[in-house]
Each structure stands twice: as structure tokens, then as C-alpha cells.
PDB file of N, CA and C in Angstrom:
ATOM      1  N   MET A   1     127.979  94.679 100.694  1.00  0.00           N
ATOM      2  CA  MET A   1     126.973  93.910  99.976  1.00  0.00           C
ATOM      3  C   MET A   1     127.426  93.719  98.531  1.00  0.00           C
ATOM      4  N   ASP A   2     127.181  92.563  98.034  1.00  0.00           N
ATOM      5  CA  ASP A   2     127.515  92.363  96.633  1.00  0.00           C
ATOM      6  C   ASP A   2     126.381  92.882  95.753  1.00  0.00           C
ATOM      7  N   ILE A   3     126.588  92.929  94.481  1.00  0.00           N
ATOM      8  CA  ILE A   3     125.648  93.542  93.548  1.00  0.00           C
ATOM      9  C   ILE A   3     124.339  92.756  93.466  1.00  0.00           C
ATOM     10  N   LEU A   4     124.432  91.449  93.509  1.00  0.00           N
ATOM     11  CA  LEU A   4     123.238  90.620  93.374  1.00  0.00           C
ATOM     12  C   LEU A   4     122.281  90.812  94.550  1.00  0.00           C
ATOM     13  N   SER A   5     122.787  90.854  95.755  1.00  0.00           N
ATOM     14  CA  SER A   5     121.905  91.046  96.907  1.00  0.00           C
ATOM     15  C   SER A   5     121.350  92.465  96.945  1.00  0.00           C
ATOM     16  N   ALA A   6     122.121  93.438  96.483  1.00  0.00           N
ATOM     17  CA  ALA A   6     121.613  94.816  96.415  1.00  0.00           C
ATOM     18  C   ALA A   6     120.483  94.919  95.399  1.00  0.00           C
ATOM     19  N   LEU A   7     120.658  94.280  94.256  1.00  0.00           N
ATOM     20  CA  LEU A   7     119.621  94.303  93.237  1.00  0.00           C
ATOM     21  C   LEU A   7     118.366  93.585  93.716  1.00  0.00           C
ATOM     22  N   ALA A   8     118.541  92.479  94.408  1.00  0.00           N
ATOM     23  CA  ALA A   8     117.397  91.728  94.929  1.00  0.00           C
ATOM     24  C   ALA A   8     116.636  92.555  95.959  1.00  0.00           C
ATOM     25  N   SER A   9     117.332  93.269  96.809  1.00  0.00           N
ATOM     26  CA  SER A   9     116.653  94.077  97.816  1.00  0.00           C
ATOM     27  C   SER A   9     115.951  95.278  97.189  1.00  0.00           C
ATOM     28  N   ILE A  10     116.503  95.807  96.109  1.00  0.00           N
ATOM     29  CA  ILE A  10     115.860  96.938  95.430  1.00  0.00           C
ATOM     30  C   ILE A  10     114.601  96.485  94.702  1.00  0.00           C
ATOM     31  N   LEU A  11     114.615  95.314  94.110  1.00  0.00           N
ATOM     32  CA  LEU A  11     113.476  94.828  93.336  1.00  0.00           C
ATOM     33  C   LEU A  11     112.402  94.163  94.188  1.00  0.00           C
ATOM     34  N   PHE A  12     112.702  93.844  95.430  1.00  0.00           N
ATOM     35  CA  PHE A  12     111.742  93.148  96.284  1.00  0.00           C
ATOM     36  C   PHE A  12     110.535  94.016  96.611  1.00  0.00           C
ATOM     37  N   VAL A  13     110.759  95.254  96.965  1.00  0.00           N
ATOM     38  CA  VAL A  13     109.663  96.139  97.379  1.00  0.00           C
ATOM     39  C   VAL A  13     108.700  96.420  96.219  1.00  0.00           C
ATOM     40  N   PRO A  14     109.176  96.779  95.015  1.00  0.00           N
ATOM     41  CA  PRO A  14     108.218  96.979  93.917  1.00  0.00           C
ATOM     42  C   PRO A  14     107.461  95.699  93.548  1.00  0.00           C
ATOM     43  N   ALA A  15     108.135  94.551  93.598  1.00  0.00           N
ATOM     44  CA  ALA A  15     107.445  93.297  93.294  1.00  0.00           C
ATOM     45  C   ALA A  15     106.372  93.015  94.334  1.00  0.00           C
ATOM     46  N   LEU A  16     106.651  93.293  95.591  1.00  0.00           N
ATOM     47  CA  LEU A  16     105.667  93.111  96.652  1.00  0.00           C
ATOM     48  C   LEU A  16     104.490  94.067  96.468  1.00  0.00           C
ATOM     49  N   LEU A  17     104.753  95.286  96.061  1.00  0.00           N
ATOM     50  CA  LEU A  17     103.705  96.280  95.828  1.00  0.00           C
ATOM     51  C   LEU A  17     102.812  95.872  94.650  1.00  0.00           C
ATOM     52  N   VAL A  18     103.412  95.412  93.568  1.00  0.00           N
ATOM     53  CA  VAL A  18     102.636  94.984  92.405  1.00  0.00           C
ATOM     54  C   VAL A  18     101.771  93.778  92.760  1.00  0.00           C
ATOM     55  N   THR A  19     102.312  92.839  93.500  1.00  0.00           N
ATOM     56  CA  THR A  19     101.550  91.658  93.913  1.00  0.00           C
ATOM     57  C   THR A  19     100.385  92.047  94.812  1.00  0.00           C
ATOM     58  N   ALA A  20     100.606  92.957  95.742  1.00  0.00           N
ATOM     59  CA  ALA A  20      99.535  93.403  96.639  1.00  0.00           C
ATOM     60  C   ALA A  20      98.433  94.116  95.859  1.00  0.00           C
ATOM     61  N   CYS A  21      98.812  94.934  94.901  1.00  0.00           N
ATOM     62  CA  CYS A  21      97.814  95.637  94.082  1.00  0.00           C
ATOM     63  C   CYS A  21      97.012  94.654  93.242  1.00  0.00           C
ATOM     64  N   TYR A  22      97.667  93.638  92.692  1.00  0.00           N
ATOM     65  CA  TYR A  22      96.952  92.644  91.890  1.00  0.00           C
ATOM     66  C   TYR A  22      95.994  91.831  92.759  1.00  0.00           C
ATOM     67  N   LEU A  23      96.401  91.467  93.957  1.00  0.00           N
ATOM     68  CA  LEU A  23      95.500  90.739  94.867  1.00  0.00           C
ATOM     69  C   LEU A  23      94.307  91.601  95.255  1.00  0.00           C
ATOM     70  N   PHE A  24      94.549  92.894  95.486  1.00  0.00           N
ATOM     71  CA  PHE A  24      93.464  93.835  95.778  1.00  0.00           C
ATOM     72  C   PHE A  24      92.483  93.869  94.610  1.00  0.00           C
ATOM     73  N   THR A  25      93.012  93.920  93.390  1.00  0.00           N
ATOM     74  CA  THR A  25      92.170  93.933  92.201  1.00  0.00           C
ATOM     75  C   THR A  25      91.371  92.638  92.087  1.00  0.00           C
ATOM     76  N   CYS A  26      92.011  91.516  92.356  1.00  0.00           N
ATOM     77  CA  CYS A  26      91.328  90.220  92.246  1.00  0.00           C
ATOM     78  C   CYS A  26      90.219  90.073  93.273  1.00  0.00           C
ATOM     79  N   VAL A  27      90.377  90.658  94.436  1.00  0.00           N
ATOM     80  CA  VAL A  27      89.362  90.548  95.481  1.00  0.00           C
ATOM     81  C   VAL A  27      88.170  91.463  95.185  1.00  0.00           C
ATOM     82  N   PHE A  28      88.427  92.706  94.782  1.00  0.00           N
ATOM     83  CA  PHE A  28      87.351  93.672  94.615  1.00  0.00           C
ATOM     84  C   PHE A  28      86.786  93.736  93.197  1.00  0.00           C
ATOM     85  N   TRP A  29      87.564  93.376  92.187  1.00  0.00           N
ATOM     86  CA  TRP A  29      87.085  93.312  90.801  1.00  0.00           C
ATOM     87  C   TRP A  29      87.513  91.976  90.215  1.00  0.00           C
ATOM     88  N   PRO A  30      86.793  90.888  90.554  1.00  0.00           N
ATOM     89  CA  PRO A  30      87.251  89.557  90.149  1.00  0.00           C
ATOM     90  C   PRO A  30      87.102  89.277  88.653  1.00  0.00           C
ATOM     91  N   PHE A  31      86.278  90.047  87.951  1.00  0.00           N
ATOM     92  CA  PHE A  31      86.055  89.786  86.538  1.00  0.00           C
ATOM     93  C   PHE A  31      86.758  90.820  85.678  1.00  0.00           C
ATOM     94  N   LYS A  32      87.147  90.385  84.483  1.00  0.00           N
ATOM     95  CA  LYS A  32      87.718  91.287  83.495  1.00  0.00           C
ATOM     96  C   LYS A  32      86.993  91.051  82.178  1.00  0.00           C
ATOM     97  N   ALA A  33      87.185  91.941  81.233  1.00  0.00           N
ATOM     98  CA  ALA A  33      86.537  91.792  79.932  1.00  0.00           C
ATOM     99  C   ALA A  33      87.118  90.597  79.194  1.00  0.00           C
ATOM    100  N   CYS A  34      86.264  89.874  78.521  1.00  0.00           N
ATOM    101  CA  CYS A  34      86.686  88.711  77.747  1.00  0.00           C
ATOM    102  C   CYS A  34      87.559  89.169  76.581  1.00  0.00           C
ATOM    103  N   ARG A  35      88.655  88.459  76.357  1.00  0.00           N
ATOM    104  CA  ARG A  35      89.557  88.823  75.268  1.00  0.00           C
ATOM    105  C   ARG A  35      89.032  88.375  73.913  1.00  0.00           C
ATOM    106  N   VAL A  36      88.205  87.354  73.886  1.00  0.00           N
ATOM    107  CA  VAL A  36      87.716  86.832  72.610  1.00  0.00           C
ATOM    108  C   VAL A  36      86.709  87.805  71.984  1.00  0.00           C
ATOM    109  N   CYS A  37      85.734  88.235  72.770  1.00  0.00           N
ATOM    110  CA  CYS A  37      84.685  89.119  72.248  1.00  0.00           C
ATOM    111  C   CYS A  37      84.894  90.574  72.653  1.00  0.00           C
ATOM    112  N   ARG A  38      85.994  90.871  73.329  1.00  0.00           N
ATOM    113  CA  ARG A  38      86.339  92.220  73.799  1.00  0.00           C
ATOM    114  C   ARG A  38      85.283  92.798  74.753  1.00  0.00           C
ATOM    115  N   GLY A  39      84.652  91.923  75.515  1.00  0.00           N
ATOM    116  CA  GLY A  39      83.704  92.358  76.534  1.00  0.00           C
ATOM    117  C   GLY A  39      82.294  92.586  76.037  1.00  0.00           C
ATOM    118  N   HIS A  40      81.994  92.271  74.778  1.00  0.00           N
ATOM    119  CA  HIS A  40      80.646  92.492  74.245  1.00  0.00           C
ATOM    120  C   HIS A  40      79.735  91.287  74.444  1.00  0.00           C
ATOM    121  N   GLY A  41      80.305  90.106  74.570  1.00  0.00           N
ATOM    122  CA  GLY A  41      79.498  88.911  74.766  1.00  0.00           C
ATOM    123  C   GLY A  41      79.030  88.272  73.481  1.00  0.00           C
ATOM    124  N   GLN A  42      79.263  88.938  72.386  1.00  0.00           N
ATOM    125  CA  GLN A  42      78.854  88.398  71.090  1.00  0.00           C
ATOM    126  C   GLN A  42      79.829  88.857  70.021  1.00  0.00           C
ATOM    127  N   PHE A  43      79.814  88.170  68.915  1.00  0.00           N
ATOM    128  CA  PHE A  43      80.645  88.576  67.794  1.00  0.00           C
ATOM    129  C   PHE A  43      79.983  88.098  66.516  1.00  0.00           C
ATOM    130  N   TYR A  44      80.444  88.629  65.425  1.00  0.00           N
ATOM    131  CA  TYR A  44      79.877  88.264  64.139  1.00  0.00           C
ATOM    132  C   TYR A  44      80.500  86.971  63.652  1.00  0.00           C
ATOM    133  N   GLY A  45      79.656  86.029  63.314  1.00  0.00           N
ATOM    134  CA  GLY A  45      80.110  84.753  62.810  1.00  0.00           C
ATOM    135  C   GLY A  45      80.187  84.768  61.298  1.00  0.00           C
ATOM    136  N   LEU A  46      80.146  83.597  60.744  1.00  0.00           N
ATOM    137  CA  LEU A  46      80.167  83.435  59.302  1.00  0.00           C
ATOM    138  C   LEU A  46      78.904  84.039  58.694  1.00  0.00           C
ATOM    139  N   PHE A  47      79.001  84.710  57.587  1.00  0.00           N
ATOM    140  CA  PHE A  47      77.904  85.376  56.889  1.00  0.00           C
ATOM    141  C   PHE A  47      77.281  86.484  57.732  1.00  0.00           C
ATOM    142  N   ARG A  48      78.086  87.090  58.620  1.00  0.00           N
ATOM    143  CA  ARG A  48      77.704  88.252  59.438  1.00  0.00           C
ATOM    144  C   ARG A  48      76.572  87.978  60.421  1.00  0.00           C
ATOM    145  N   GLY A  49      76.337  86.754  60.772  1.00  0.00           N
ATOM    146  CA  GLY A  49      75.347  86.446  61.796  1.00  0.00           C
ATOM    147  C   GLY A  49      75.943  86.678  63.175  1.00  0.00           C
ATOM    148  N   ILE A  50      75.138  87.136  64.111  1.00  0.00           N
ATOM    149  CA  ILE A  50      75.623  87.402  65.463  1.00  0.00           C
ATOM    150  C   ILE A  50      75.585  86.111  66.262  1.00  0.00           C
ATOM    151  N   ARG A  51      76.719  85.812  66.902  1.00  0.00           N
ATOM    152  CA  ARG A  51      76.825  84.602  67.724  1.00  0.00           C
ATOM    153  C   ARG A  51      77.263  84.990  69.128  1.00  0.00           C
ATOM    154  N   LEU A  52      76.842  84.216  70.107  1.00  0.00           N
ATOM    155  CA  LEU A  52      77.310  84.427  71.469  1.00  0.00           C
ATOM    156  C   LEU A  52      78.728  83.900  71.595  1.00  0.00           C
ATOM    157  N   CYS A  53      79.516  84.555  72.419  1.00  0.00           N
ATOM    158  CA  CYS A  53      80.903  84.151  72.625  1.00  0.00           C
ATOM    159  C   CYS A  53      80.927  82.837  73.403  1.00  0.00           C
ATOM    160  N   GLY A  54      81.702  81.889  72.923  1.00  0.00           N
ATOM    161  CA  GLY A  54      81.799  80.601  73.599  1.00  0.00           C
ATOM    162  C   GLY A  54      82.742  80.624  74.782  1.00  0.00           C
ATOM    163  N   ALA A  55      83.673  81.576  74.798  1.00  0.00           N
ATOM    164  CA  ALA A  55      84.644  81.637  75.889  1.00  0.00           C
ATOM    165  C   ALA A  55      84.015  82.167  77.181  1.00  0.00           C
ATOM    166  N   CYS A  56      83.101  83.135  77.049  1.00  0.00           N
ATOM    167  CA  CYS A  56      82.497  83.738  78.248  1.00  0.00           C
ATOM    168  C   CYS A  56      81.003  83.437  78.346  1.00  0.00           C
ATOM    169  N   ASP A  57      80.484  82.587  77.474  1.00  0.00           N
ATOM    170  CA  ASP A  57      79.066  82.222  77.439  1.00  0.00           C
ATOM    171  C   ASP A  57      78.153  83.430  77.244  1.00  0.00           C
ATOM    172  N   GLY A  58      78.641  84.419  76.513  1.00  0.00           N
ATOM    173  CA  GLY A  58      77.826  85.584  76.178  1.00  0.00           C
ATOM    174  C   GLY A  58      77.742  86.646  77.252  1.00  0.00           C
ATOM    175  N   THR A  59      78.478  86.510  78.341  1.00  0.00           N
ATOM    176  CA  THR A  59      78.421  87.522  79.393  1.00  0.00           C
ATOM    177  C   THR A  59      79.379  88.675  79.143  1.00  0.00           C
ATOM    178  N   GLY A  60      80.457  88.422  78.425  1.00  0.00           N
ATOM    179  CA  GLY A  60      81.467  89.445  78.190  1.00  0.00           C
ATOM    180  C   GLY A  60      82.488  89.542  79.312  1.00  0.00           C
ATOM    181  N   LEU A  61      82.379  88.686  80.318  1.00  0.00           N
ATOM    182  CA  LEU A  61      83.269  88.744  81.476  1.00  0.00           C
ATOM    183  C   LEU A  61      83.987  87.415  81.679  1.00  0.00           C
ATOM    184  N   ARG A  62      85.216  87.490  82.117  1.00  0.00           N
ATOM    185  CA  ARG A  62      86.004  86.301  82.455  1.00  0.00           C
ATOM    186  C   ARG A  62      86.579  86.487  83.850  1.00  0.00           C
ATOM    187  N   LEU A  63      86.711  85.389  84.579  1.00  0.00           N
ATOM    188  CA  LEU A  63      87.287  85.421  85.912  1.00  0.00           C
ATOM    189  C   LEU A  63      88.806  85.574  85.806  1.00  0.00           C
ATOM    190  N   ARG A  64      89.372  86.488  86.570  1.00  0.00           N
ATOM    191  CA  ARG A  64      90.821  86.709  86.540  1.00  0.00           C
ATOM    192  C   ARG A  64      91.565  85.470  87.037  1.00  0.00           C
ATOM    193  N   PHE A  65      92.794  85.300  86.543  1.00  0.00           N
ATOM    194  CA  PHE A  65      93.611  84.159  86.945  1.00  0.00           C
ATOM    195  C   PHE A  65      93.902  84.190  88.446  1.00  0.00           C
ATOM    196  N   GLY A  66      94.195  85.349  88.989  1.00  0.00           N
ATOM    197  CA  GLY A  66      94.464  85.468  90.424  1.00  0.00           C
ATOM    198  C   GLY A  66      93.251  85.098  91.263  1.00  0.00           C
ATOM    199  N   ARG A  67      92.069  85.446  90.786  1.00  0.00           N
ATOM    200  CA  ARG A  67      90.857  85.099  91.516  1.00  0.00           C
ATOM    201  C   ARG A  67      90.624  83.597  91.483  1.00  0.00           C
ATOM    202  N   ARG A  68      90.988  82.962  90.355  1.00  0.00           N
ATOM    203  CA  ARG A  68      90.888  81.504  90.291  1.00  0.00           C
ATOM    204  C   ARG A  68      91.790  80.863  91.333  1.00  0.00           C
ATOM    205  N   LEU A  69      92.995  81.414  91.516  1.00  0.00           N
ATOM    206  CA  LEU A  69      93.908  80.894  92.529  1.00  0.00           C
ATOM    207  C   LEU A  69      93.355  81.103  93.935  1.00  0.00           C
ATOM    208  N   ILE A  70      92.768  82.269  94.185  1.00  0.00           N
ATOM    209  CA  ILE A  70      92.179  82.552  95.495  1.00  0.00           C
ATOM    210  C   ILE A  70      91.035  81.576  95.772  1.00  0.00           C
ATOM    211  N   ASN A  71      90.185  81.343  94.770  1.00  0.00           N
ATOM    212  CA  ASN A  71      89.071  80.406  94.938  1.00  0.00           C
ATOM    213  C   ASN A  71      89.573  78.986  95.187  1.00  0.00           C
ATOM    214  N   ALA A  72      90.620  78.579  94.463  1.00  0.00           N
ATOM    215  CA  ALA A  72      91.167  77.228  94.651  1.00  0.00           C
ATOM    216  C   ALA A  72      91.771  77.073  96.047  1.00  0.00           C
ATOM    217  N   ALA A  73      92.456  78.117  96.529  1.00  0.00           N
ATOM    218  CA  ALA A  73      93.037  78.059  97.875  1.00  0.00           C
ATOM    219  C   ALA A  73      91.941  77.978  98.938  1.00  0.00           C
ATOM    220  N   GLY A  74      90.875  78.727  98.760  1.00  0.00           N
ATOM    221  CA  GLY A  74      89.762  78.672  99.705  1.00  0.00           C
ATOM    222  C   GLY A  74      89.073  77.320  99.698  1.00  0.00           C
ATOM    223  N   ARG A  75      88.907  76.762  98.500  1.00  0.00           N
ATOM    224  CA  ARG A  75      88.291  75.443  98.381  1.00  0.00           C
ATOM    225  C   ARG A  75      89.146  74.385  99.057  1.00  0.00           C
ATOM    226  N   LEU A  76      90.461  74.451  98.850  1.00  0.00           N
ATOM    227  CA  LEU A  76      91.374  73.501  99.480  1.00  0.00           C
ATOM    228  C   LEU A  76      91.346  73.637 100.998  1.00  0.00           C
ATOM    229  N   TYR A  77      91.313  74.859 101.497  1.00  0.00           N
ATOM    230  CA  TYR A  77      91.257  75.110 102.940  1.00  0.00           C
ATOM    231  C   TYR A  77      89.982  74.516 103.541  1.00  0.00           C
ATOM    232  N   ARG A  78      88.843  74.722 102.867  1.00  0.00           N
ATOM    233  CA  ARG A  78      87.582  74.175 103.372  1.00  0.00           C
ATOM    234  C   ARG A  78      87.584  72.647 103.357  1.00  0.00           C
ATOM    235  N   GLU A  79      88.148  72.064 102.300  1.00  0.00           N
ATOM    236  CA  GLU A  79      88.200  70.606 102.230  1.00  0.00           C
ATOM    237  C   GLU A  79      89.089  70.016 103.319  1.00  0.00           C
ATOM    238  N   LEU A  80      90.230  70.649 103.574  1.00  0.00           N
ATOM    239  CA  LEU A  80      91.128  70.151 104.615  1.00  0.00           C
ATOM    240  C   LEU A  80      90.503  70.288 105.992  1.00  0.00           C
ATOM    241  N   ASN A  81      89.828  71.393 106.241  1.00  0.00           N
ATOM    242  CA  ASN A  81      89.176  71.570 107.541  1.00  0.00           C
ATOM    243  C   ASN A  81      88.018  70.611 107.723  1.00  0.00           C
ATOM    244  N   ALA A  82      87.282  70.331 106.655  1.00  0.00           N
ATOM    245  CA  ALA A  82      86.182  69.372 106.752  1.00  0.00           C
ATOM    246  C   ALA A  82      86.722  67.975 107.033  1.00  0.00           C
ATOM    247  N   ALA A  83      87.853  67.630 106.420  1.00  0.00           N
ATOM    248  CA  ALA A  83      88.456  66.320 106.664  1.00  0.00           C
ATOM    249  C   ALA A  83      88.941  66.229 108.100  1.00  0.00           C
ATOM    250  N   ASN A  84      89.524  67.288 108.621  1.00  0.00           N
ATOM    251  CA  ASN A  84      89.996  67.291 110.012  1.00  0.00           C
ATOM    252  C   ASN A  84      88.822  67.198 110.991  1.00  0.00           C
ATOM    253  N   ARG A  85      87.733  67.881 110.709  1.00  0.00           N
ATOM    254  CA  ARG A  85      86.570  67.816 111.588  1.00  0.00           C
ATOM    255  C   ARG A  85      85.962  66.435 111.591  1.00  0.00           C
ATOM    256  N   ASN A  86      85.886  65.812 110.405  1.00  0.00           N
ATOM    257  CA  ASN A  86      85.352  64.453 110.334  1.00  0.00           C
ATOM    258  C   ASN A  86      86.244  63.456 111.034  1.00  0.00           C
ATOM    259  N   HIS A  87      87.542  63.666 110.964  1.00  0.00           N
ATOM    260  CA  HIS A  87      88.480  62.766 111.610  1.00  0.00           C
ATOM    261  C   HIS A  87      88.394  62.873 113.130  1.00  0.00           C
ATOM    262  N   ARG A  88      88.185  64.088 113.667  1.00  0.00           N
ATOM    263  CA  ARG A  88      88.098  64.290 115.101  1.00  0.00           C
ATOM    264  C   ARG A  88      86.793  63.742 115.682  1.00  0.00           C
ATOM    265  N   ASN A  89      85.719  63.735 114.895  1.00  0.00           N
ATOM    266  CA  ASN A  89      84.422  63.295 115.389  1.00  0.00           C
ATOM    267  C   ASN A  89      84.287  61.785 115.471  1.00  0.00           C
ATOM    268  N   ARG A  90      85.227  61.053 114.963  1.00  0.00           N
ATOM    269  CA  ARG A  90      85.124  59.587 114.994  1.00  0.00           C
ATOM    270  C   ARG A  90      85.441  59.020 116.327  1.00  0.00           C
TER     271      ARG A  90
END
């Protein structure tokens, strides 16, 4: 085996493990703390007035990027199946 294929085979398993753990996290804990307000939902504005965070709408939570991908894949799957069902019923 050459060095490149050996390195690829060594790095494949940890990359697969990290991806599986991230997908597990996205499925069971889809939200994370908002980076703008640090999960508080509010922050101090000008003249020390309290304002709601515009990034998370005051909830303090943001949807993870992986969960957005999972939702988009599910939406695409449902749309394709609905189109196929409508096409068959004609």
C-alpha cells in the first residue's frame, strides 16, 4: 500500500465516527445556544436598554446547521414522493 491510501484508510474511521456523533446530536438536540446573545435571548442595547436578540427572536436557541440539512432532505423527499403519487394517479 502506498502512503496516501494508508493515510486515507486510517482517517476514514474517525471521520465516520465524528459524522455519526454529529448526526446523533442533530437528531436528539436540534437546537444550540445562540452565538449573538450567548443563549440569553436578550442583550443590552444602546444606553443600557435591554433588547431582544434579532438572530434568535429572543428565544436564545438556534437550529443547528446539520438539522437544517436533515429538514431540507426530508422536505425534498416528501415533495418528490408527492409528485410521484400525483403523476401515478393521472
